Amino acid sequence: MSICLNKNEVPMIPDACPVCKVLLRSLDKLAFEYCGACADCAQSFVDVNKGAWDSGWRPSKGEIVARLQKRKEEPFFYVNDEYI
C-alpha cells in the first residue's frame, strides 16, 4: 500500500519517541506508524501488551527508566536527559 501526498505535504513523525523520548532513527519509522512509538518501545512494551496498549495503557516512568538503563549497555545509544 502506498500513500500519495501532495508535494507540499510532509508526513508528521516526531523527532523523539513519545514514550521514551529517545531520538527516532530511520528504522523506527515503521514502528511509529504501527503503534506511535520507537522500535525498541514497540518490542519492549507494545508487543507484550498489545491489548492493553490499544486500550490506552502506557509504561510507567519506572519501566521506561529500567529499559533505558538496559539500552545504555548497548553500543552507540544516546539518551535524552529527561530520564537521567
Protein backbone atom coordinates (compact mmCIF):
# COMPACT_ATOMS: atom_id res chain seq x y z
CA MET A 1 0.00 0.00 0.00
CA SER A 2 1.34 3.44 -0.82
CA ILE A 3 0.31 6.82 0.45
CA CYS A 4 0.06 9.64 -2.03
CA LEU A 5 0.88 13.04 -0.59
CA ASN A 6 0.52 16.47 -2.04
CA LYS A 7 4.04 17.58 -2.95
CA ASN A 8 3.87 20.20 -0.17
CA GLU A 9 2.67 17.69 2.43
CA VAL A 10 5.20 16.09 4.77
CA PRO A 11 4.27 13.10 6.94
CA MET A 12 4.27 14.06 10.62
CA ILE A 13 6.73 11.91 12.52
CA PRO A 14 8.24 13.48 15.64
CA ASP A 15 11.98 13.77 16.30
CA ALA A 16 11.75 11.72 19.50
CA CYS A 17 9.70 8.75 20.66
CA PRO A 18 6.63 9.95 22.59
CA VAL A 19 7.14 7.13 25.10
CA CYS A 20 10.87 7.09 25.95
CA LYS A 21 11.93 10.45 24.44
CA VAL A 22 14.85 8.86 22.54
CA LEU A 23 15.54 10.35 19.11
CA LEU A 24 13.88 8.34 16.35
CA ARG A 25 16.03 6.63 13.75
CA SER A 26 15.07 5.65 10.23
CA LEU A 27 14.38 2.08 11.41
CA ASP A 28 11.79 3.46 13.87
CA LYS A 29 9.54 4.82 11.09
CA LEU A 30 7.53 1.62 10.61
CA ALA A 31 7.22 1.06 14.35
CA PHE A 32 5.98 4.62 14.82
CA GLU A 33 3.37 4.14 12.10
CA TYR A 34 2.35 0.83 13.74
CA CYS A 35 2.00 1.98 17.33
CA GLY A 36 3.19 5.57 17.78
CA ALA A 37 6.49 4.63 19.44
CA CYS A 38 10.08 3.74 18.52
CA ALA A 39 11.05 0.19 17.53
CA ASP A 40 12.53 -0.52 20.97
CA CYS A 41 9.36 0.60 22.79
CA ALA A 42 7.30 -1.40 20.30
CA GLN A 43 9.29 -4.52 21.09
CA SER A 44 9.63 -3.92 24.84
CA PHE A 45 6.18 -2.57 25.69
CA VAL A 46 3.70 -2.80 22.82
CA ASP A 47 4.23 -6.33 21.54
CA VAL A 48 3.99 -7.86 25.01
CA ASN A 49 0.89 -5.81 25.96
CA LYS A 50 -0.83 -5.14 22.63
CA GLY A 51 -4.36 -5.31 24.01
CA ALA A 52 -3.56 -3.00 26.91
CA TRP A 53 -1.62 -0.65 24.62
CA ASP A 54 -4.60 -0.38 22.28
CA SER A 55 -6.76 0.42 25.33
CA GLY A 56 -4.51 3.32 26.30
CA TRP A 57 -2.02 1.71 28.72
CA ARG A 58 1.50 3.16 28.67
CA PRO A 59 4.55 2.06 30.66
CA SER A 60 5.29 3.84 33.92
CA LYS A 61 8.24 6.18 34.24
CA GLY A 62 9.99 3.46 36.27
CA GLU A 63 9.52 0.90 33.50
CA ILE A 64 10.86 3.37 30.93
CA VAL A 65 13.88 4.21 33.10
CA ALA A 66 14.64 0.50 33.60
CA ARG A 67 14.51 -0.13 29.84
CA LEU A 68 16.69 2.91 29.11
CA GLN A 69 19.26 1.66 31.63
CA LYS A 70 19.43 -1.64 29.74
CA ARG A 71 19.74 0.22 26.43
CA LYS A 72 22.71 2.20 27.78
CA GLU A 73 24.64 -1.07 27.76
CA GLU A 74 24.17 -1.24 24.00
CA PRO A 75 26.80 0.42 21.80
CA PHE A 76 26.02 3.82 20.28
CA PHE A 77 22.96 4.55 22.38
CA TYR A 78 22.23 8.11 23.43
CA VAL A 79 19.51 9.00 25.93
CA ASN A 80 17.55 12.22 26.42
CA ASP A 81 18.34 13.75 29.82
CA GLU A 82 14.64 13.67 30.87
CA TYR A 83 15.06 10.21 32.43
CA ILE A 84 18.61 10.53 33.78
